[in-house]
């Protein structure tokens, strides 16, 4: 079986397994990494990822053979938090309260929505 250059680089590199935190972060070689671009990412919390470090020093993160996008956090930089159930509930409750506070809107009596749709009904209404 022949492999292409990218597969060979992944096969012939140093590999380590790391577990993702709630914020989709993990530590590897005294640096902290965070996954990006995975939507909300709640399904990835606690997942085991494989970190591959090539001979050239480039790192890649794999989950079930699929590459994941990541960023290296600067020293002391806080990870971007991923919303959890409590945060989502608070946002929904705030949106519901905002909608309830708005007054009901009704179109004016001469608004186009109040006109009949069918042309025959329009002619009868005009007569």
C-alpha atoms as a PDB file:
ATOM      1  CA  UNK A   1       0.000   0.000   0.000  1.00  0.00           C
ATOM      2  CA  UNK A   2       1.430   3.353  -1.029  1.00  0.00           C
ATOM      3  CA  UNK A   3       0.921   6.475   1.031  1.00  0.00           C
ATOM      4  CA  UNK A   4       1.132  10.067  -0.097  1.00  0.00           C
ATOM      5  CA  UNK A   5       3.583  12.533   1.464  1.00  0.00           C
ATOM      6  CA  UNK A   6       1.064  13.940   3.968  1.00  0.00           C
ATOM      7  CA  UNK A   7       0.156  10.477   5.281  1.00  0.00           C
ATOM      8  CA  UNK A   8       3.820   9.541   5.579  1.00  0.00           C
ATOM      9  CA  UNK A   9       4.508  12.711   7.576  1.00  0.00           C
ATOM     10  CA  UNK A  10       1.731  11.732  10.004  1.00  0.00           C
ATOM     11  CA  UNK A  11       2.978   8.155  10.271  1.00  0.00           C
ATOM     12  CA  UNK A  12       6.615   9.120  10.836  1.00  0.00           C
ATOM     13  CA  UNK A  13       6.081  11.766  13.506  1.00  0.00           C
ATOM     14  CA  UNK A  14       6.010  11.846  17.268  1.00  0.00           C
ATOM     15  CA  UNK A  15       2.479  11.230  18.525  1.00  0.00           C
ATOM     16  CA  UNK A  16       0.886  11.929  21.884  1.00  0.00           C
ATOM     17  CA  UNK A  17      -2.679  11.608  23.120  1.00  0.00           C
ATOM     18  CA  UNK A  18      -4.319  14.471  25.006  1.00  0.00           C
ATOM     19  CA  UNK A  19      -7.768  14.948  26.484  1.00  0.00           C
ATOM     20  CA  UNK A  20      -9.758  18.102  25.669  1.00  0.00           C
ATOM     21  CA  UNK A  21     -11.035  20.342  28.449  1.00  0.00           C
ATOM     22  CA  UNK A  22     -14.385  22.161  28.611  1.00  0.00           C
ATOM     23  CA  UNK A  23     -12.898  25.052  26.621  1.00  0.00           C
ATOM     24  CA  UNK A  24     -11.511  22.631  24.014  1.00  0.00           C
ATOM     25  CA  UNK A  25      -7.950  23.198  25.193  1.00  0.00           C
ATOM     26  CA  UNK A  26      -5.077  20.829  25.868  1.00  0.00           C
ATOM     27  CA  UNK A  27      -1.431  21.164  26.833  1.00  0.00           C
ATOM     28  CA  UNK A  28       1.444  19.777  24.815  1.00  0.00           C
ATOM     29  CA  UNK A  29       5.135  20.448  25.408  1.00  0.00           C
ATOM     30  CA  UNK A  30       4.515  23.298  27.895  1.00  0.00           C
ATOM     31  CA  UNK A  31       2.240  25.148  25.440  1.00  0.00           C
ATOM     32  CA  UNK A  32      -1.520  25.428  25.518  1.00  0.00           C
ATOM     33  CA  UNK A  33      -3.561  24.788  22.385  1.00  0.00           C
ATOM     34  CA  UNK A  34      -7.243  25.483  21.679  1.00  0.00           C
ATOM     35  CA  UNK A  35      -9.379  24.024  18.913  1.00  0.00           C
ATOM     36  CA  UNK A  36     -11.118  26.541  16.652  1.00  0.00           C
ATOM     37  CA  UNK A  37     -13.767  26.414  13.950  1.00  0.00           C
ATOM     38  CA  UNK A  38     -15.776  23.519  15.315  1.00  0.00           C
ATOM     39  CA  UNK A  39     -19.082  25.275  15.807  1.00  0.00           C
ATOM     40  CA  UNK A  40     -20.134  25.158  19.426  1.00  0.00           C
ATOM     41  CA  UNK A  41     -17.828  22.203  20.010  1.00  0.00           C
ATOM     42  CA  UNK A  42     -19.697  20.797  22.996  1.00  0.00           C
ATOM     43  CA  UNK A  43     -19.565  17.331  21.464  1.00  0.00           C
ATOM     44  CA  UNK A  44     -15.753  17.426  21.569  1.00  0.00           C
ATOM     45  CA  UNK A  45     -15.443  18.101  25.307  1.00  0.00           C
ATOM     46  CA  UNK A  46     -13.452  15.348  26.963  1.00  0.00           C
ATOM     47  CA  UNK A  47     -12.510  13.739  23.637  1.00  0.00           C
ATOM     48  CA  UNK A  48      -9.074  12.190  23.226  1.00  0.00           C
ATOM     49  CA  UNK A  49      -7.093  13.814  20.404  1.00  0.00           C
ATOM     50  CA  UNK A  50      -3.778  12.787  18.904  1.00  0.00           C
ATOM     51  CA  UNK A  51      -1.126  15.480  18.650  1.00  0.00           C
ATOM     52  CA  UNK A  52       1.448  14.808  15.926  1.00  0.00           C
ATOM     53  CA  UNK A  53       4.724  16.692  15.904  1.00  0.00           C
ATOM     54  CA  UNK A  54       6.793  16.342  12.742  1.00  0.00           C
ATOM     55  CA  UNK A  55      10.545  16.505  12.355  1.00  0.00           C
ATOM     56  CA  UNK A  56      10.229  20.104  11.173  1.00  0.00           C
ATOM     57  CA  UNK A  57       8.474  21.084  14.430  1.00  0.00           C
ATOM     58  CA  UNK A  58       5.031  21.537  12.865  1.00  0.00           C
ATOM     59  CA  UNK A  59       2.181  20.196  14.960  1.00  0.00           C
ATOM     60  CA  UNK A  60      -1.165  18.835  13.820  1.00  0.00           C
ATOM     61  CA  UNK A  61      -4.159  17.635  15.827  1.00  0.00           C
ATOM     62  CA  UNK A  62      -6.163  14.580  14.800  1.00  0.00           C
ATOM     63  CA  UNK A  63      -9.491  13.213  15.996  1.00  0.00           C
ATOM     64  CA  UNK A  64     -10.427   9.826  14.542  1.00  0.00           C
ATOM     65  CA  UNK A  65      -8.049  10.393  11.638  1.00  0.00           C
ATOM     66  CA  UNK A  66      -9.449  13.842  10.779  1.00  0.00           C
ATOM     67  CA  UNK A  67      -7.338  16.988  11.119  1.00  0.00           C
ATOM     68  CA  UNK A  68      -8.691  19.702  13.393  1.00  0.00           C
ATOM     69  CA  UNK A  69      -7.963  23.420  13.267  1.00  0.00           C
ATOM     70  CA  UNK A  70      -6.257  24.833  16.358  1.00  0.00           C
ATOM     71  CA  UNK A  71      -4.415  27.853  17.652  1.00  0.00           C
ATOM     72  CA  UNK A  72      -1.566  28.165  20.111  1.00  0.00           C
ATOM     73  CA  UNK A  73      -2.464  30.337  23.084  1.00  0.00           C
ATOM     74  CA  UNK A  74       0.075  32.936  24.121  1.00  0.00           C
ATOM     75  CA  UNK A  75       1.559  32.515  27.570  1.00  0.00           C
ATOM     76  CA  UNK A  76      -0.980  33.707  30.123  1.00  0.00           C
ATOM     77  CA  UNK A  77      -3.748  34.147  27.524  1.00  0.00           C
ATOM     78  CA  UNK A  78      -7.134  32.855  28.636  1.00  0.00           C
ATOM     79  CA  UNK A  79      -8.949  30.401  26.403  1.00  0.00           C
ATOM     80  CA  UNK A  80     -12.166  31.524  24.745  1.00  0.00           C
ATOM     81  CA  UNK A  81     -14.933  29.864  26.741  1.00  0.00           C
ATOM     82  CA  UNK A  82     -17.398  27.565  25.030  1.00  0.00           C
ATOM     83  CA  UNK A  83     -21.044  28.124  25.992  1.00  0.00           C
ATOM     84  CA  UNK A  84     -22.512  25.477  28.275  1.00  0.00           C
ATOM     85  CA  UNK A  85     -26.138  24.662  29.145  1.00  0.00           C
ATOM     86  CA  UNK A  86     -26.338  27.282  31.880  1.00  0.00           C
ATOM     87  CA  UNK A  87     -25.140  30.050  29.542  1.00  0.00           C
ATOM     88  CA  UNK A  88     -27.547  28.971  26.824  1.00  0.00           C
ATOM     89  CA  UNK A  89     -30.476  28.948  29.258  1.00  0.00           C
ATOM     90  CA  UNK A  90     -29.579  32.442  30.463  1.00  0.00           C
ATOM     91  CA  UNK A  91     -29.467  33.732  26.879  1.00  0.00           C
ATOM     92  CA  UNK A  92     -32.826  32.139  26.038  1.00  0.00           C
ATOM     93  CA  UNK A  93     -34.433  33.539  29.192  1.00  0.00           C
ATOM     94  CA  UNK A  94     -33.062  37.013  28.395  1.00  0.00           C
ATOM     95  CA  UNK A  95     -34.410  36.818  24.826  1.00  0.00           C
ATOM     96  CA  UNK A  96     -37.840  35.711  26.077  1.00  0.00           C
ATOM     97  CA  UNK A  97     -37.930  38.579  28.576  1.00  0.00           C
ATOM     98  CA  UNK A  98     -36.960  41.051  25.840  1.00  0.00           C
ATOM     99  CA  UNK A  99     -39.726  39.760  23.561  1.00  0.00           C
ATOM    100  CA  UNK A 100     -42.294  39.928  26.362  1.00  0.00           C
ATOM    101  CA  UNK A 101     -41.315  43.547  27.111  1.00  0.00           C
ATOM    102  CA  UNK A 102     -41.959  44.666  23.520  1.00  0.00           C
ATOM    103  CA  UNK A 103     -45.428  46.038  22.828  1.00  0.00           C
ATOM    104  CA  UNK A 104     -47.634  44.099  20.442  1.00  0.00           C
ATOM    105  CA  UNK A 105     -47.479  45.526  16.939  1.00  0.00           C
ATOM    106  CA  UNK A 106     -50.529  45.671  14.748  1.00  0.00           C
ATOM    107  CA  UNK A 107     -50.534  46.948  11.177  1.00  0.00           C
ATOM    108  CA  UNK A 108     -52.434  50.150  10.398  1.00  0.00           C
ATOM    109  CA  UNK A 109     -55.970  49.884   8.951  1.00  0.00           C
ATOM    110  CA  UNK A 110     -54.717  50.874   5.482  1.00  0.00           C
ATOM    111  CA  UNK A 111     -51.760  48.457   5.541  1.00  0.00           C
ATOM    112  CA  UNK A 112     -51.420  46.210   2.436  1.00  0.00           C
ATOM    113  CA  UNK A 113     -51.805  43.093   4.606  1.00  0.00           C
ATOM    114  CA  UNK A 114     -55.369  44.112   5.348  1.00  0.00           C
ATOM    115  CA  UNK A 115     -56.320  44.318   1.656  1.00  0.00           C
ATOM    116  CA  UNK A 116     -57.972  41.263   0.067  1.00  0.00           C
ATOM    117  CA  UNK A 117     -55.619  39.048  -1.890  1.00  0.00           C
ATOM    118  CA  UNK A 118     -57.918  37.844  -4.666  1.00  0.00           C
ATOM    119  CA  UNK A 119     -58.694  40.383  -7.431  1.00  0.00           C
ATOM    120  CA  UNK A 120     -62.398  39.427  -7.494  1.00  0.00           C
ATOM    121  CA  UNK A 121     -62.681  40.036  -3.756  1.00  0.00           C
ATOM    122  CA  UNK A 122     -60.936  43.396  -4.214  1.00  0.00           C
ATOM    123  CA  UNK A 123     -63.474  44.452  -6.840  1.00  0.00           C
ATOM    124  CA  UNK A 124     -66.378  43.443  -4.584  1.00  0.00           C
ATOM    125  CA  UNK A 125     -64.835  45.343  -1.656  1.00  0.00           C
ATOM    126  CA  UNK A 126     -64.390  48.476  -3.806  1.00  0.00           C
ATOM    127  CA  UNK A 127     -68.020  48.401  -5.041  1.00  0.00           C
END
